[in-house]
């Protein structure tokens, strides 16, 4: 399931969203898609982010920091029924 950086901002705030999205885009194998018309706006697969952040989390401070926020994003997606299809 893809989530937009705008949705991430809504759930966890702009500053943290910017850090999370930058980390995912530059330091992880997560599928990130650059959105048209918005600077630094991306969509990313929250399921992939969740799986990636679990791997060796105890030895990676950023994974430990971001995991609870990614879990919150996953919960948000599950509880928001009328989301546009962002699978592409």
C-alpha atoms as a PDB file:
ATOM      1  CA  UNK A   1       0.000   0.000   0.000  1.00  0.00           C
ATOM      2  CA  UNK A   2       1.405   3.345  -1.033  1.00  0.00           C
ATOM      3  CA  UNK A   3       1.060   6.415   1.174  1.00  0.00           C
ATOM      4  CA  UNK A   4       1.781   9.989   0.104  1.00  0.00           C
ATOM      5  CA  UNK A   5       4.171  12.297   1.890  1.00  0.00           C
ATOM      6  CA  UNK A   6       1.205  14.656   2.414  1.00  0.00           C
ATOM      7  CA  UNK A   7      -0.630  11.904   4.306  1.00  0.00           C
ATOM      8  CA  UNK A   8       2.539  11.235   6.312  1.00  0.00           C
ATOM      9  CA  UNK A   9       2.637  14.933   7.266  1.00  0.00           C
ATOM     10  CA  UNK A  10      -0.993  14.756   8.383  1.00  0.00           C
ATOM     11  CA  UNK A  11      -0.317  11.806  10.680  1.00  0.00           C
ATOM     12  CA  UNK A  12       3.119  12.582  12.161  1.00  0.00           C
ATOM     13  CA  UNK A  13       3.855  16.237  11.376  1.00  0.00           C
ATOM     14  CA  UNK A  14       5.905  17.984   8.714  1.00  0.00           C
ATOM     15  CA  UNK A  15       9.390  17.911  10.261  1.00  0.00           C
ATOM     16  CA  UNK A  16       9.287  14.213  11.124  1.00  0.00           C
ATOM     17  CA  UNK A  17       7.635  13.397   7.784  1.00  0.00           C
ATOM     18  CA  UNK A  18      10.433  15.179   5.918  1.00  0.00           C
ATOM     19  CA  UNK A  19      13.090  13.232   7.849  1.00  0.00           C
ATOM     20  CA  UNK A  20      11.302   9.906   7.382  1.00  0.00           C
ATOM     21  CA  UNK A  21      10.730  10.395   3.656  1.00  0.00           C
ATOM     22  CA  UNK A  22      14.320  11.536   3.090  1.00  0.00           C
ATOM     23  CA  UNK A  23      15.658   8.510   4.994  1.00  0.00           C
ATOM     24  CA  UNK A  24      13.465   6.119   3.018  1.00  0.00           C
ATOM     25  CA  UNK A  25      14.394   7.701  -0.302  1.00  0.00           C
ATOM     26  CA  UNK A  26      18.160   7.789   0.287  1.00  0.00           C
ATOM     27  CA  UNK A  27      18.975   4.961   2.691  1.00  0.00           C
ATOM     28  CA  UNK A  28      16.578   2.132   2.039  1.00  0.00           C
ATOM     29  CA  UNK A  29      15.461  -0.212  -0.729  1.00  0.00           C
ATOM     30  CA  UNK A  30      11.831   0.942  -0.291  1.00  0.00           C
ATOM     31  CA  UNK A  31       9.866   1.702  -3.450  1.00  0.00           C
ATOM     32  CA  UNK A  32       9.511   5.489  -3.539  1.00  0.00           C
ATOM     33  CA  UNK A  33       7.748   7.335  -6.349  1.00  0.00           C
ATOM     34  CA  UNK A  34       8.340  11.060  -6.807  1.00  0.00           C
ATOM     35  CA  UNK A  35       5.058  12.938  -6.974  1.00  0.00           C
ATOM     36  CA  UNK A  36       4.459  15.486  -9.715  1.00  0.00           C
ATOM     37  CA  UNK A  37       4.231  19.172  -8.878  1.00  0.00           C
ATOM     38  CA  UNK A  38       5.456  19.127  -5.298  1.00  0.00           C
ATOM     39  CA  UNK A  39       9.033  19.588  -4.191  1.00  0.00           C
ATOM     40  CA  UNK A  40      10.368  16.608  -2.207  1.00  0.00           C
ATOM     41  CA  UNK A  41       6.958  14.912  -2.314  1.00  0.00           C
ATOM     42  CA  UNK A  42       7.000  11.144  -2.681  1.00  0.00           C
ATOM     43  CA  UNK A  43       4.783   8.119  -2.299  1.00  0.00           C
ATOM     44  CA  UNK A  44       6.223   5.035  -0.670  1.00  0.00           C
ATOM     45  CA  UNK A  45       5.097   1.530   0.090  1.00  0.00           C
ATOM     46  CA  UNK A  46       4.326   1.517   3.816  1.00  0.00           C
ATOM     47  CA  UNK A  47       4.330  -2.318   3.966  1.00  0.00           C
ATOM     48  CA  UNK A  48       7.882  -2.422   2.569  1.00  0.00           C
ATOM     49  CA  UNK A  49       8.927   0.327   4.993  1.00  0.00           C
ATOM     50  CA  UNK A  50       7.508  -1.645   7.921  1.00  0.00           C
ATOM     51  CA  UNK A  51       9.325  -4.830   6.896  1.00  0.00           C
ATOM     52  CA  UNK A  52      12.592  -2.985   6.257  1.00  0.00           C
ATOM     53  CA  UNK A  53      12.508  -1.162   9.585  1.00  0.00           C
ATOM     54  CA  UNK A  54      12.076  -4.467  11.473  1.00  0.00           C
ATOM     55  CA  UNK A  55      15.299  -5.958  10.055  1.00  0.00           C
ATOM     56  CA  UNK A  56      18.169  -5.511  12.527  1.00  0.00           C
ATOM     57  CA  UNK A  57      16.247  -2.723  14.244  1.00  0.00           C
ATOM     58  CA  UNK A  58      18.140  -3.175  17.503  1.00  0.00           C
ATOM     59  CA  UNK A  59      21.432  -2.175  15.888  1.00  0.00           C
ATOM     60  CA  UNK A  60      20.097   0.730  13.794  1.00  0.00           C
ATOM     61  CA  UNK A  61      19.056   3.898  15.631  1.00  0.00           C
ATOM     62  CA  UNK A  62      17.077   5.330  12.701  1.00  0.00           C
ATOM     63  CA  UNK A  63      15.068   2.135  12.289  1.00  0.00           C
ATOM     64  CA  UNK A  64      14.286   2.178  16.023  1.00  0.00           C
ATOM     65  CA  UNK A  65      13.263   5.827  15.804  1.00  0.00           C
ATOM     66  CA  UNK A  66      11.079   5.502  12.707  1.00  0.00           C
ATOM     67  CA  UNK A  67       9.445   2.092  13.317  1.00  0.00           C
ATOM     68  CA  UNK A  68       6.709   3.372  15.680  1.00  0.00           C
ATOM     69  CA  UNK A  69       5.861   6.133  13.210  1.00  0.00           C
ATOM     70  CA  UNK A  70       5.676   3.696  10.305  1.00  0.00           C
ATOM     71  CA  UNK A  71       3.386   1.492  12.421  1.00  0.00           C
ATOM     72  CA  UNK A  72       1.191   4.551  13.068  1.00  0.00           C
ATOM     73  CA  UNK A  73       1.066   5.248   9.316  1.00  0.00           C
ATOM     74  CA  UNK A  74       0.054   1.645   8.634  1.00  0.00           C
ATOM     75  CA  UNK A  75      -2.722   1.945  11.217  1.00  0.00           C
ATOM     76  CA  UNK A  76      -3.871   5.219   9.620  1.00  0.00           C
ATOM     77  CA  UNK A  77      -4.086   3.569   6.215  1.00  0.00           C
ATOM     78  CA  UNK A  78      -6.108   0.669   7.590  1.00  0.00           C
ATOM     79  CA  UNK A  79      -8.576   3.001   9.291  1.00  0.00           C
ATOM     80  CA  UNK A  80      -9.055   5.392   6.352  1.00  0.00           C
ATOM     81  CA  UNK A  81     -11.549   3.740   4.011  1.00  0.00           C
ATOM     82  CA  UNK A  82     -11.852   6.389   1.267  1.00  0.00           C
ATOM     83  CA  UNK A  83      -8.286   6.713   0.005  1.00  0.00           C
ATOM     84  CA  UNK A  84      -7.496   7.247  -3.658  1.00  0.00           C
ATOM     85  CA  UNK A  85      -5.828   4.329  -5.434  1.00  0.00           C
ATOM     86  CA  UNK A  86      -2.088   5.043  -5.218  1.00  0.00           C
ATOM     87  CA  UNK A  87      -0.866   1.588  -6.152  1.00  0.00           C
ATOM     88  CA  UNK A  88       0.822   2.706  -9.382  1.00  0.00           C
END
